[in-house]
Amino acid sequence: MTEASIKKVNISNASEGEMGQAYLASGANMAMRLWQDETPSDNPKPTSQRDYEVLGYVLKGKAELHLDSQSLTLEPGDSWVVPAGTPHTYRILEPFSALETTIPPARVSHRDAAKA
């Protein structure tokens, strides 16, 4: 049977993940999350590798995304894709806010838990 209900999540009551992300609407096959006002740093975040694909869109600020030997500067209006299973890291250059969609949903089976 097909899911026939509409879901709504307002940022004011969105749950927060352990890495600071706000979880927005999610369905059976994808989920949205918001990173808001991430703080700039001289050092990149720890490298991570997830079992979900990430599509993102920069709302404000600037960051560097590093994927294997590739490096991108992300600024407002830019979007990006991190394929599932790809080691990556990023460094926040200016206070940064971005919207991401994860496919499949990051929260299922603790896929979004911080990993060493």
PDB file of N, CA and C in Angstrom:
ATOM      1  N   MET A   1       0.842  -1.181   0.000  1.00  0.00           N
ATOM      2  CA  MET A   1       0.000   0.000   0.000  1.00  0.00           C
ATOM      3  C   MET A   1       0.893   1.253   0.000  1.00  0.00           C
ATOM      4  N   THR A   2       0.523   2.236  -0.744  1.00  0.00           N
ATOM      5  CA  THR A   2       1.254   3.487  -0.855  1.00  0.00           C
ATOM      6  C   THR A   2       0.961   4.395   0.336  1.00  0.00           C
ATOM      7  N   GLU A   3       2.003   5.064   0.838  1.00  0.00           N
ATOM      8  CA  GLU A   3       1.836   6.040   1.927  1.00  0.00           C
ATOM      9  C   GLU A   3       1.022   7.215   1.396  1.00  0.00           C
ATOM     10  N   ALA A   4      -0.043   7.575   2.083  1.00  0.00           N
ATOM     11  CA  ALA A   4      -0.929   8.625   1.592  1.00  0.00           C
ATOM     12  C   ALA A   4      -1.056   9.800   2.552  1.00  0.00           C
ATOM     13  N   SER A   5      -0.202   9.883   3.560  1.00  0.00           N
ATOM     14  CA  SER A   5      -0.313  10.997   4.498  1.00  0.00           C
ATOM     15  C   SER A   5       0.722  12.072   4.181  1.00  0.00           C
ATOM     16  N   ILE A   6       0.353  13.313   4.468  1.00  0.00           N
ATOM     17  CA  ILE A   6       1.258  14.448   4.290  1.00  0.00           C
ATOM     18  C   ILE A   6       1.970  14.671   5.613  1.00  0.00           C
ATOM     19  N   LYS A   7       3.289  14.916   5.542  1.00  0.00           N
ATOM     20  CA  LYS A   7       4.065  15.168   6.758  1.00  0.00           C
ATOM     21  C   LYS A   7       4.604  16.583   6.723  1.00  0.00           C
ATOM     22  N   LYS A   8       4.626  17.214   7.880  1.00  0.00           N
ATOM     23  CA  LYS A   8       5.141  18.573   8.002  1.00  0.00           C
ATOM     24  C   LYS A   8       6.031  18.644   9.232  1.00  0.00           C
ATOM     25  N   VAL A   9       7.202  19.254   9.077  1.00  0.00           N
ATOM     26  CA  VAL A   9       8.087  19.499  10.213  1.00  0.00           C
ATOM     27  C   VAL A   9       8.506  20.962  10.147  1.00  0.00           C
ATOM     28  N   ASN A  10       8.230  21.709  11.191  1.00  0.00           N
ATOM     29  CA  ASN A  10       8.662  23.094  11.277  1.00  0.00           C
ATOM     30  C   ASN A  10      10.001  23.135  11.999  1.00  0.00           C
ATOM     31  N   ILE A  11      10.897  23.999  11.584  1.00  0.00           N
ATOM     32  CA  ILE A  11      12.233  24.097  12.181  1.00  0.00           C
ATOM     33  C   ILE A  11      12.156  24.345  13.688  1.00  0.00           C
ATOM     34  N   SER A  12      11.111  25.010  14.142  1.00  0.00           N
ATOM     35  CA  SER A  12      10.998  25.320  15.572  1.00  0.00           C
ATOM     36  C   SER A  12      10.810  24.074  16.440  1.00  0.00           C
ATOM     37  N   ASN A  13      10.331  22.978  15.844  1.00  0.00           N
ATOM     38  CA  ASN A  13      10.179  21.755  16.635  1.00  0.00           C
ATOM     39  C   ASN A  13      10.891  20.559  16.007  1.00  0.00           C
ATOM     40  N   ALA A  14      11.861  20.838  15.135  1.00  0.00           N
ATOM     41  CA  ALA A  14      12.662  19.766  14.519  1.00  0.00           C
ATOM     42  C   ALA A  14      13.611  19.175  15.558  1.00  0.00           C
ATOM     43  N   SER A  15      13.807  17.881  15.498  1.00  0.00           N
ATOM     44  CA  SER A  15      14.774  17.272  16.414  1.00  0.00           C
ATOM     45  C   SER A  15      16.187  17.555  15.918  1.00  0.00           C
ATOM     46  N   GLU A  16      17.138  17.554  16.866  1.00  0.00           N
ATOM     47  CA  GLU A  16      18.526  17.882  16.545  1.00  0.00           C
ATOM     48  C   GLU A  16      19.387  16.631  16.647  1.00  0.00           C
ATOM     49  N   GLY A  17      20.269  16.469  15.664  1.00  0.00           N
ATOM     50  CA  GLY A  17      21.202  15.345  15.663  1.00  0.00           C
ATOM     51  C   GLY A  17      22.432  15.649  16.486  1.00  0.00           C
ATOM     52  N   GLU A  18      23.213  14.625  16.753  1.00  0.00           N
ATOM     53  CA  GLU A  18      24.391  14.784  17.610  1.00  0.00           C
ATOM     54  C   GLU A  18      25.501  15.619  16.973  1.00  0.00           C
ATOM     55  N   MET A  19      25.439  15.856  15.673  1.00  0.00           N
ATOM     56  CA  MET A  19      26.441  16.699  15.015  1.00  0.00           C
ATOM     57  C   MET A  19      25.944  18.124  14.821  1.00  0.00           C
ATOM     58  N   GLY A  20      24.742  18.447  15.358  1.00  0.00           N
ATOM     59  CA  GLY A  20      24.197  19.800  15.278  1.00  0.00           C
ATOM     60  C   GLY A  20      23.186  20.008  14.163  1.00  0.00           C
ATOM     61  N   GLN A  21      22.906  19.005  13.367  1.00  0.00           N
ATOM     62  CA  GLN A  21      21.955  19.128  12.277  1.00  0.00           C
ATOM     63  C   GLN A  21      20.520  19.069  12.796  1.00  0.00           C
ATOM     64  N   ALA A  22      19.633  19.802  12.135  1.00  0.00           N
ATOM     65  CA  ALA A  22      18.206  19.734  12.447  1.00  0.00           C
ATOM     66  C   ALA A  22      17.553  18.811  11.429  1.00  0.00           C
ATOM     67  N   TYR A  23      16.790  17.832  11.922  1.00  0.00           N
ATOM     68  CA  TYR A  23      16.108  16.900  11.036  1.00  0.00           C
ATOM     69  C   TYR A  23      14.769  17.484  10.622  1.00  0.00           C
ATOM     70  N   LEU A  24      14.566  17.600   9.315  1.00  0.00           N
ATOM     71  CA  LEU A  24      13.328  18.150   8.772  1.00  0.00           C
ATOM     72  C   LEU A  24      12.446  16.992   8.289  1.00  0.00           C
ATOM     73  N   ALA A  25      11.659  17.204   7.261  1.00  0.00           N
ATOM     74  CA  ALA A  25      10.751  16.169   6.771  1.00  0.00           C
ATOM     75  C   ALA A  25      11.529  14.966   6.243  1.00  0.00           C
ATOM     76  N   SER A  26      10.928  13.780   6.418  1.00  0.00           N
ATOM     77  CA  SER A  26      11.530  12.565   5.870  1.00  0.00           C
ATOM     78  C   SER A  26      10.439  11.633   5.384  1.00  0.00           C
ATOM     79  N   GLY A  27      10.789  10.864   4.394  1.00  0.00           N
ATOM     80  CA  GLY A  27       9.881   9.867   3.847  1.00  0.00           C
ATOM     81  C   GLY A  27      10.545   8.508   3.889  1.00  0.00           C
ATOM     82  N   ALA A  28       9.993   7.566   3.187  1.00  0.00           N
ATOM     83  CA  ALA A  28      10.530   6.208   3.169  1.00  0.00           C
ATOM     84  C   ALA A  28      11.870   6.131   2.447  1.00  0.00           C
ATOM     85  N   ASN A  29      12.102   7.009   1.454  1.00  0.00           N
ATOM     86  CA  ASN A  29      13.294   6.895   0.617  1.00  0.00           C
ATOM     87  C   ASN A  29      14.281   8.052   0.716  1.00  0.00           C
ATOM     88  N   MET A  30      13.901   9.131   1.374  1.00  0.00           N
ATOM     89  CA  MET A  30      14.794  10.287   1.493  1.00  0.00           C
ATOM     90  C   MET A  30      14.432  11.106   2.722  1.00  0.00           C
ATOM     91  N   ALA A  31      15.381  11.956   3.141  1.00  0.00           N
ATOM     92  CA  ALA A  31      15.150  12.822   4.300  1.00  0.00           C
ATOM     93  C   ALA A  31      15.877  14.139   4.100  1.00  0.00           C
ATOM     94  N   MET A  32      15.370  15.183   4.757  1.00  0.00           N
ATOM     95  CA  MET A  32      16.008  16.500   4.705  1.00  0.00           C
ATOM     96  C   MET A  32      16.559  16.847   6.080  1.00  0.00           C
ATOM     97  N   ARG A  33      17.673  17.579   6.058  1.00  0.00           N
ATOM     98  CA  ARG A  33      18.238  18.098   7.303  1.00  0.00           C
ATOM     99  C   ARG A  33      18.844  19.465   7.019  1.00  0.00           C
ATOM    100  N   LEU A  34      18.969  20.252   8.070  1.00  0.00           N
ATOM    101  CA  LEU A  34      19.469  21.620   7.954  1.00  0.00           C
ATOM    102  C   LEU A  34      20.671  21.787   8.861  1.00  0.00           C
ATOM    103  N   TRP A  35      21.723  22.326   8.302  1.00  0.00           N
ATOM    104  CA  TRP A  35      22.899  22.741   9.066  1.00  0.00           C
ATOM    105  C   TRP A  35      22.802  24.251   9.135  1.00  0.00           C
ATOM    106  N   GLN A  36      22.765  24.806  10.339  1.00  0.00           N
ATOM    107  CA  GLN A  36      22.507  26.232  10.494  1.00  0.00           C
ATOM    108  C   GLN A  36      23.622  26.900  11.283  1.00  0.00           C
ATOM    109  N   ASP A  37      24.209  27.942  10.674  1.00  0.00           N
ATOM    110  CA  ASP A  37      25.234  28.761  11.317  1.00  0.00           C
ATOM    111  C   ASP A  37      26.401  27.927  11.866  1.00  0.00           C
ATOM    112  N   GLU A  38      26.897  27.011  11.033  1.00  0.00           N
ATOM    113  CA  GLU A  38      28.091  26.240  11.395  1.00  0.00           C
ATOM    114  C   GLU A  38      29.266  27.211  11.546  1.00  0.00           C
ATOM    115  N   THR A  39      30.076  27.015  12.555  1.00  0.00           N
ATOM    116  CA  THR A  39      31.164  27.934  12.908  1.00  0.00           C
ATOM    117  C   THR A  39      32.417  27.684  12.069  1.00  0.00           C
ATOM    118  N   PRO A  40      33.044  28.755  11.566  1.00  0.00           N
ATOM    119  CA  PRO A  40      34.291  28.598  10.813  1.00  0.00           C
ATOM    120  C   PRO A  40      35.386  27.967  11.674  1.00  0.00           C
ATOM    121  N   SER A  41      36.315  27.286  10.999  1.00  0.00           N
ATOM    122  CA  SER A  41      37.423  26.634  11.688  1.00  0.00           C
ATOM    123  C   SER A  41      38.634  26.576  10.767  1.00  0.00           C
ATOM    124  N   ASP A  42      39.819  26.611  11.367  1.00  0.00           N
ATOM    125  CA  ASP A  42      41.046  26.460  10.591  1.00  0.00           C
ATOM    126  C   ASP A  42      41.276  25.009  10.181  1.00  0.00           C
ATOM    127  N   ASN A  43      40.647  24.090  10.895  1.00  0.00           N
ATOM    128  CA  ASN A  43      40.850  22.665  10.637  1.00  0.00           C
ATOM    129  C   ASN A  43      39.606  22.038  10.018  1.00  0.00           C
ATOM    130  N   PRO A  44      39.807  21.084   9.105  1.00  0.00           N
ATOM    131  CA  PRO A  44      38.645  20.393   8.538  1.00  0.00           C
ATOM    132  C   PRO A  44      37.995  19.472   9.566  1.00  0.00           C
ATOM    133  N   LYS A  45      36.727  19.161   9.333  1.00  0.00           N
ATOM    134  CA  LYS A  45      36.005  18.188  10.155  1.00  0.00           C
ATOM    135  C   LYS A  45      36.648  16.818   9.923  1.00  0.00           C
ATOM    136  N   PRO A  46      36.469  15.869  10.839  1.00  0.00           N
ATOM    137  CA  PRO A  46      37.008  14.521  10.615  1.00  0.00           C
ATOM    138  C   PRO A  46      36.429  13.910   9.336  1.00  0.00           C
ATOM    139  N   THR A  47      37.228  13.131   8.646  1.00  0.00           N
ATOM    140  CA  THR A  47      36.763  12.450   7.445  1.00  0.00           C
ATOM    141  C   THR A  47      35.654  11.473   7.815  1.00  0.00           C
ATOM    142  N   SER A  48      34.591  11.457   7.013  1.00  0.00           N
ATOM    143  CA  SER A  48      33.501  10.515   7.245  1.00  0.00           C
ATOM    144  C   SER A  48      33.161   9.804   5.944  1.00  0.00           C
ATOM    145  N   GLN A  49      32.511   8.680   6.103  1.00  0.00           N
ATOM    146  CA  GLN A  49      32.082   7.860   4.971  1.00  0.00           C
ATOM    147  C   GLN A  49      30.720   7.300   5.357  1.00  0.00           C
ATOM    148  N   ARG A  50      29.683   7.643   4.632  1.00  0.00           N
ATOM    149  CA  ARG A  50      28.320   7.274   5.004  1.00  0.00           C
ATOM    150  C   ARG A  50      27.716   6.302   3.991  1.00  0.00           C
ATOM    151  N   ASP A  51      26.723   5.557   4.426  1.00  0.00           N
ATOM    152  CA  ASP A  51      26.075   4.602   3.534  1.00  0.00           C
ATOM    153  C   ASP A  51      24.842   5.212   2.858  1.00  0.00           C
ATOM    154  N   TYR A  52      24.809   6.538   2.781  1.00  0.00           N
ATOM    155  CA  TYR A  52      23.740   7.231   2.070  1.00  0.00           C
ATOM    156  C   TYR A  52      24.343   8.318   1.178  1.00  0.00           C
ATOM    157  N   GLU A  53      23.611   8.664   0.128  1.00  0.00           N
ATOM    158  CA  GLU A  53      24.001   9.736  -0.778  1.00  0.00           C
ATOM    159  C   GLU A  53      23.502  11.056  -0.194  1.00  0.00           C
ATOM    160  N   VAL A  54      24.285  12.126  -0.368  1.00  0.00           N
ATOM    161  CA  VAL A  54      23.899  13.449   0.129  1.00  0.00           C
ATOM    162  C   VAL A  54      23.834  14.428  -1.030  1.00  0.00           C
ATOM    163  N   LEU A  55      22.730  15.141  -1.138  1.00  0.00           N
ATOM    164  CA  LEU A  55      22.593  16.252  -2.063  1.00  0.00           C
ATOM    165  C   LEU A  55      22.421  17.487  -1.198  1.00  0.00           C
ATOM    166  N   GLY A  56      23.208  18.525  -1.444  1.00  0.00           N
ATOM    167  CA  GLY A  56      23.148  19.705  -0.595  1.00  0.00           C
ATOM    168  C   GLY A  56      22.999  20.990  -1.372  1.00  0.00           C
ATOM    169  N   TYR A  57      22.567  22.035  -0.667  1.00  0.00           N
ATOM    170  CA  TYR A  57      22.398  23.365  -1.234  1.00  0.00           C
ATOM    171  C   TYR A  57      22.820  24.393  -0.192  1.00  0.00           C
ATOM    172  N   VAL A  58      23.712  25.299  -0.568  1.00  0.00           N
ATOM    173  CA  VAL A  58      24.223  26.319   0.352  1.00  0.00           C
ATOM    174  C   VAL A  58      23.249  27.489   0.438  1.00  0.00           C
ATOM    175  N   LEU A  59      22.819  27.791   1.659  1.00  0.00           N
ATOM    176  CA  LEU A  59      21.943  28.932   1.911  1.00  0.00           C
ATOM    177  C   LEU A  59      22.749  30.194   2.190  1.00  0.00           C
ATOM    178  N   LYS A  60      23.832  30.045   2.986  1.00  0.00           N
ATOM    179  CA  LYS A  60      24.700  31.195   3.275  1.00  0.00           C
ATOM    180  C   LYS A  60      26.063  30.693   3.728  1.00  0.00           C
ATOM    181  N   GLY A  61      27.049  31.572   3.628  1.00  0.00           N
ATOM    182  CA  GLY A  61      28.394  31.252   4.082  1.00  0.00           C
ATOM    183  C   GLY A  61      29.249  30.600   3.017  1.00  0.00           C
ATOM    184  N   LYS A  62      30.353  30.010   3.482  1.00  0.00           N
ATOM    185  CA  LYS A  62      31.311  29.407   2.559  1.00  0.00           C
ATOM    186  C   LYS A  62      31.994  28.238   3.247  1.00  0.00           C
ATOM    187  N   ALA A  63      32.211  27.170   2.474  1.00  0.00           N
ATOM    188  CA  ALA A  63      32.901  25.985   2.992  1.00  0.00           C
ATOM    189  C   ALA A  63      33.694  25.332   1.874  1.00  0.00           C
ATOM    190  N   GLU A  64      34.685  24.538   2.251  1.00  0.00           N
ATOM    191  CA  GLU A  64      35.438  23.702   1.313  1.00  0.00           C
ATOM    192  C   GLU A  64      34.996  22.266   1.527  1.00  0.00           C
ATOM    193  N   LEU A  65      34.677  21.579   0.440  1.00  0.00           N
ATOM    194  CA  LEU A  65      34.321  20.163   0.488  1.00  0.00           C
ATOM    195  C   LEU A  65      35.443  19.389  -0.177  1.00  0.00           C
ATOM    196  N   HIS A  66      35.965  18.374   0.509  1.00  0.00           N
ATOM    197  CA  HIS A  66      37.050  17.547  -0.015  1.00  0.00           C
ATOM    198  C   HIS A  66      36.553  16.120  -0.172  1.00  0.00           C
ATOM    199  N   LEU A  67      36.653  15.607  -1.390  1.00  0.00           N
ATOM    200  CA  LEU A  67      36.227  14.260  -1.752  1.00  0.00           C
ATOM    201  C   LEU A  67      37.379  13.604  -2.484  1.00  0.00           C
ATOM    202  N   ASP A  68      37.970  12.579  -1.894  1.00  0.00           N
ATOM    203  CA  ASP A  68      39.146  11.945  -2.504  1.00  0.00           C
ATOM    204  C   ASP A  68      40.164  13.028  -2.848  1.00  0.00           C
ATOM    205  N   SER A  69      40.541  13.157  -4.105  1.00  0.00           N
ATOM    206  CA  SER A  69      41.539  14.159  -4.495  1.00  0.00           C
ATOM    207  C   SER A  69      40.880  15.444  -4.995  1.00  0.00           C
ATOM    208  N   GLN A  70      39.561  15.548  -4.906  1.00  0.00           N
ATOM    209  CA  GLN A  70      38.831  16.720  -5.373  1.00  0.00           C
ATOM    210  C   GLN A  70      38.564  17.694  -4.238  1.00  0.00           C
ATOM    211  N   SER A  71      38.540  18.970  -4.575  1.00  0.00           N
ATOM    212  CA  SER A  71      38.216  20.003  -3.600  1.00  0.00           C
ATOM    213  C   SER A  71      37.307  21.037  -4.258  1.00  0.00           C
ATOM    214  N   LEU A  72      36.225  21.389  -3.569  1.00  0.00           N
ATOM    215  CA  LEU A  72      35.281  22.383  -4.069  1.00  0.00           C
ATOM    216  C   LEU A  72      35.075  23.459  -3.025  1.00  0.00           C
ATOM    217  N   THR A  73      34.944  24.704  -3.465  1.00  0.00           N
ATOM    218  CA  THR A  73      34.507  25.772  -2.577  1.00  0.00           C
ATOM    219  C   THR A  73      33.018  25.940  -2.790  1.00  0.00           C
ATOM    220  N   LEU A  74      32.263  25.872  -1.716  1.00  0.00           N
ATOM    221  CA  LEU A  74      30.811  25.993  -1.771  1.00  0.00           C
ATOM    222  C   LEU A  74      30.382  27.345  -1.230  1.00  0.00           C
ATOM    223  N   GLU A  75      29.553  28.051  -2.011  1.00  0.00           N
ATOM    224  CA  GLU A  75      29.055  29.370  -1.647  1.00  0.00           C
ATOM    225  C   GLU A  75      27.552  29.424  -1.880  1.00  0.00           C
ATOM    226  N   PRO A  76      26.860  30.477  -1.377  1.00  0.00           N
ATOM    227  CA  PRO A  76      25.405  30.556  -1.544  1.00  0.00           C
ATOM    228  C   PRO A  76      24.977  30.333  -2.997  1.00  0.00           C
ATOM    229  N   GLY A  77      23.970  29.477  -3.157  1.00  0.00           N
ATOM    230  CA  GLY A  77      23.471  29.150  -4.479  1.00  0.00           C
ATOM    231  C   GLY A  77      24.090  27.898  -5.078  1.00  0.00           C
ATOM    232  N   ASP A  78      25.190  27.410  -4.491  1.00  0.00           N
ATOM    233  CA  ASP A  78      25.835  26.187  -4.986  1.00  0.00           C
ATOM    234  C   ASP A  78      25.130  24.964  -4.433  1.00  0.00           C
ATOM    235  N   SER A  79      25.129  23.897  -5.225  1.00  0.00           N
ATOM    236  CA  SER A  79      24.646  22.605  -4.750  1.00  0.00           C
ATOM    237  C   SER A  79      25.731  21.571  -5.012  1.00  0.00           C
ATOM    238  N   TRP A  80      25.646  20.428  -4.307  1.00  0.00           N
ATOM    239  CA  TRP A  80      26.671  19.397  -4.433  1.00  0.00           C
ATOM    240  C   TRP A  80      26.080  18.025  -4.187  1.00  0.00           C
ATOM    241  N   VAL A  81      26.852  17.002  -4.568  1.00  0.00           N
ATOM    242  CA  VAL A  81      26.487  15.609  -4.325  1.00  0.00           C
ATOM    243  C   VAL A  81      27.699  14.898  -3.742  1.00  0.00           C
ATOM    244  N   VAL A  82      27.490  14.146  -2.665  1.00  0.00           N
ATOM    245  CA  VAL A  82      28.500  13.233  -2.127  1.00  0.00           C
ATOM    246  C   VAL A  82      27.920  11.824  -2.300  1.00  0.00           C
ATOM    247  N   PRO A  83      28.528  11.011  -3.175  1.00  0.00           N
ATOM    248  CA  PRO A  83      28.013   9.658  -3.386  1.00  0.00           C
ATOM    249  C   PRO A  83      28.120   8.808  -2.115  1.00  0.00           C
ATOM    250  N   ALA A  84      27.196   7.876  -1.958  1.00  0.00           N
ATOM    251  CA  ALA A  84      27.225   6.957  -0.819  1.00  0.00           C
ATOM    252  C   ALA A  84      28.559   6.219  -0.793  1.00  0.00           C
ATOM    253  N   GLY A  85      29.112   6.053   0.400  1.00  0.00           N
ATOM    254  CA  GLY A  85      30.345   5.295   0.577  1.00  0.00           C
ATOM    255  C   GLY A  85      31.625   6.042   0.249  1.00  0.00           C
ATOM    256  N   THR A  86      31.544   7.314  -0.097  1.00  0.00           N
ATOM    257  CA  THR A  86      32.727   8.096  -0.477  1.00  0.00           C
ATOM    258  C   THR A  86      33.305   8.824   0.737  1.00  0.00           C
ATOM    259  N   PRO A  87      34.574   8.574   1.067  1.00  0.00           N
ATOM    260  CA  PRO A  87      35.197   9.328   2.164  1.00  0.00           C
ATOM    261  C   PRO A  87      35.252  10.825   1.797  1.00  0.00           C
ATOM    262  N   HIS A  88      34.887  11.665   2.747  1.00  0.00           N
ATOM    263  CA  HIS A  88      34.902  13.107   2.482  1.00  0.00           C
ATOM    264  C   HIS A  88      35.082  13.876   3.787  1.00  0.00           C
ATOM    265  N   THR A  89      35.472  15.125   3.639  1.00  0.00           N
ATOM    266  CA  THR A  89      35.589  16.033   4.770  1.00  0.00           C
ATOM    267  C   THR A  89      35.265  17.433   4.271  1.00  0.00           C
ATOM    268  N   TYR A  90      35.077  18.344   5.197  1.00  0.00           N
ATOM    269  CA  TYR A  90      34.821  19.729   4.818  1.00  0.00           C
ATOM    270  C   TYR A  90      35.388  20.655   5.881  1.00  0.00           C
ATOM    271  N   ARG A  91      35.588  21.895   5.465  1.00  0.00           N
ATOM    272  CA  ARG A  91      36.063  22.930   6.385  1.00  0.00           C
ATOM    273  C   ARG A  91      35.182  24.148   6.192  1.00  0.00           C
ATOM    274  N   ILE A  92      34.676  24.684   7.287  1.00  0.00           N
ATOM    275  CA  ILE A  92      33.815  25.862   7.251  1.00  0.00           C
ATOM    276  C   ILE A  92      34.705  27.105   7.198  1.00  0.00           C
ATOM    277  N   LEU A  93      34.504  27.946   6.177  1.00  0.00           N
ATOM    278  CA  LEU A  93      35.310  29.154   5.995  1.00  0.00           C
ATOM    279  C   LEU A  93      34.604  30.407   6.523  1.00  0.00           C
ATOM    280  N   GLU A  94      33.283  30.442   6.407  1.00  0.00           N
ATOM    281  CA  GLU A  94      32.445  31.544   6.898  1.00  0.00           C
ATOM    282  C   GLU A  94      31.212  30.916   7.535  1.00  0.00           C
ATOM    283  N   PRO A  95      30.553  31.591   8.496  1.00  0.00           N
ATOM    284  CA  PRO A  95      29.349  31.006   9.094  1.00  0.00           C
ATOM    285  C   PRO A  95      28.459  30.410   7.990  1.00  0.00           C
ATOM    286  N   PHE A  96      28.140  29.130   8.134  1.00  0.00           N
ATOM    287  CA  PHE A  96      27.616  28.326   7.023  1.00  0.00           C
ATOM    288  C   PHE A  96      26.270  27.700   7.363  1.00  0.00           C
ATOM    289  N   SER A  97      25.327  27.841   6.439  1.00  0.00           N
ATOM    290  CA  SER A  97      24.028  27.169   6.552  1.00  0.00           C
ATOM    291  C   SER A  97      23.741  26.471   5.235  1.00  0.00           C
ATOM    292  N   ALA A  98      23.281  25.223   5.325  1.00  0.00           N
ATOM    293  CA  ALA A  98      22.996  24.441   4.125  1.00  0.00           C
ATOM    294  C   ALA A  98      21.844  23.482   4.388  1.00  0.00           C
ATOM    295  N   LEU A  99      21.117  23.188   3.343  1.00  0.00           N
ATOM    296  CA  LEU A  99      20.039  22.219   3.364  1.00  0.00           C
ATOM    297  C   LEU A  99      20.538  20.972   2.651  1.00  0.00           C
ATOM    298  N   GLU A 100      20.318  19.799   3.236  1.00  0.00           N
ATOM    299  CA  GLU A 100      20.757  18.553   2.617  1.00  0.00           C
ATOM    300  C   GLU A 100      19.594  17.568   2.526  1.00  0.00           C
ATOM    301  N   THR A 101      19.635  16.751   1.491  1.00  0.00           N
ATOM    302  CA  THR A 101      18.741  15.612   1.348  1.00  0.00           C
ATOM    303  C   THR A 101      19.605  14.366   1.364  1.00  0.00           C
ATOM    304  N   THR A 102      19.214  13.375   2.146  1.00  0.00           N
ATOM    305  CA  THR A 102      19.955  12.120   2.207  1.00  0.00           C
ATOM    306  C   THR A 102      19.084  11.009   1.641  1.00  0.00           C
ATOM    307  N   ILE A 103      19.719  10.156   0.835  1.00  0.00           N
ATOM    308  CA  ILE A 103      19.018   9.074   0.159  1.00  0.00           C
ATOM    309  C   ILE A 103      19.828   7.798   0.327  1.00  0.00           C
ATOM    310  N   PRO A 104      19.327   6.813   1.069  1.00  0.00           N
ATOM    311  CA  PRO A 104      18.104   6.748   1.854  1.00  0.00           C
ATOM    312  C   PRO A 104      18.212   7.652   3.088  1.00  0.00           C
ATOM    313  N   PRO A 105      17.150   7.762   3.879  1.00  0.00           N
ATOM    314  CA  PRO A 105      17.162   8.651   5.037  1.00  0.00           C
ATOM    315  C   PRO A 105      18.336   8.372   5.977  1.00  0.00           C
ATOM    316  N   ALA A 106      19.023   9.431   6.380  1.00  0.00           N
ATOM    317  CA  ALA A 106      20.204   9.304   7.243  1.00  0.00           C
ATOM    318  C   ALA A 106      19.860   8.754   8.618  1.00  0.00           C
ATOM    319  N   ARG A 107      18.696   9.033   9.138  1.00  0.00           N
ATOM    320  CA  ARG A 107      18.350   8.660  10.521  1.00  0.00           C
ATOM    321  C   ARG A 107      18.002   7.185  10.689  1.00  0.00           C
ATOM    322  N   VAL A 108      17.656   6.490   9.641  1.00  0.00           N
ATOM    323  CA  VAL A 108      17.266   5.088   9.740  1.00  0.00           C
ATOM    324  C   VAL A 108      18.467   4.241  10.166  1.00  0.00           C
ATOM    325  N   SER A 109      18.265   3.368  11.106  1.00  0.00           N
ATOM    326  CA  SER A 109      19.319   2.451  11.586  1.00  0.00           C
ATOM    327  C   SER A 109      20.584   3.182  12.023  1.00  0.00           C
ATOM    328  N   HIS A 110      20.445   4.380  12.557  1.00  0.00           N
ATOM    329  CA  HIS A 110      21.577   5.169  13.073  1.00  0.00           C
ATOM    330  C   HIS A 110      22.617   5.475  11.997  1.00  0.00           C
ATOM    331  N   ARG A 111      22.207   5.606  10.729  1.00  0.00           N
ATOM    332  CA  ARG A 111      23.152   5.918   9.657  1.00  0.00           C
ATOM    333  C   ARG A 111      23.857   7.247   9.875  1.00  0.00           C
ATOM    334  N   ASP A 112      23.227   8.167  10.617  1.00  0.00           N
ATOM    335  CA  ASP A 112      23.768   9.507  10.806  1.00  0.00           C
ATOM    336  C   ASP A 112      24.615   9.639  12.063  1.00  0.00           C
ATOM    337  N   ALA A 113      24.789   8.571  12.815  1.00  0.00           N
ATOM    338  CA  ALA A 113      25.583   8.637  14.032  1.00  0.00           C
ATOM    339  C   ALA A 113      27.032   8.966  13.688  1.00  0.00           C
ATOM    340  N   ALA A 114      27.660   9.775  14.521  1.00  0.00           N
ATOM    341  CA  ALA A 114      29.069  10.124  14.303  1.00  0.00           C
ATOM    342  C   ALA A 114      29.909   8.852  14.315  1.00  0.00           C
ATOM    343  N   LYS A 115      30.773   8.725  13.321  1.00  0.00           N
ATOM    344  CA  LYS A 115      31.618   7.535  13.207  1.00  0.00           C
ATOM    345  C   LYS A 115      33.071   7.972  13.216  1.00  0.00           C
ATOM    346  N   ALA A 116      33.885   7.189  13.880  1.00  0.00           N
ATOM    347  CA  ALA A 116      35.317   7.512  13.968  1.00  0.00           C
ATOM    348  C   ALA A 116      36.039   7.056  12.720  1.00  0.00           C
TER     349      ALA A 116
END
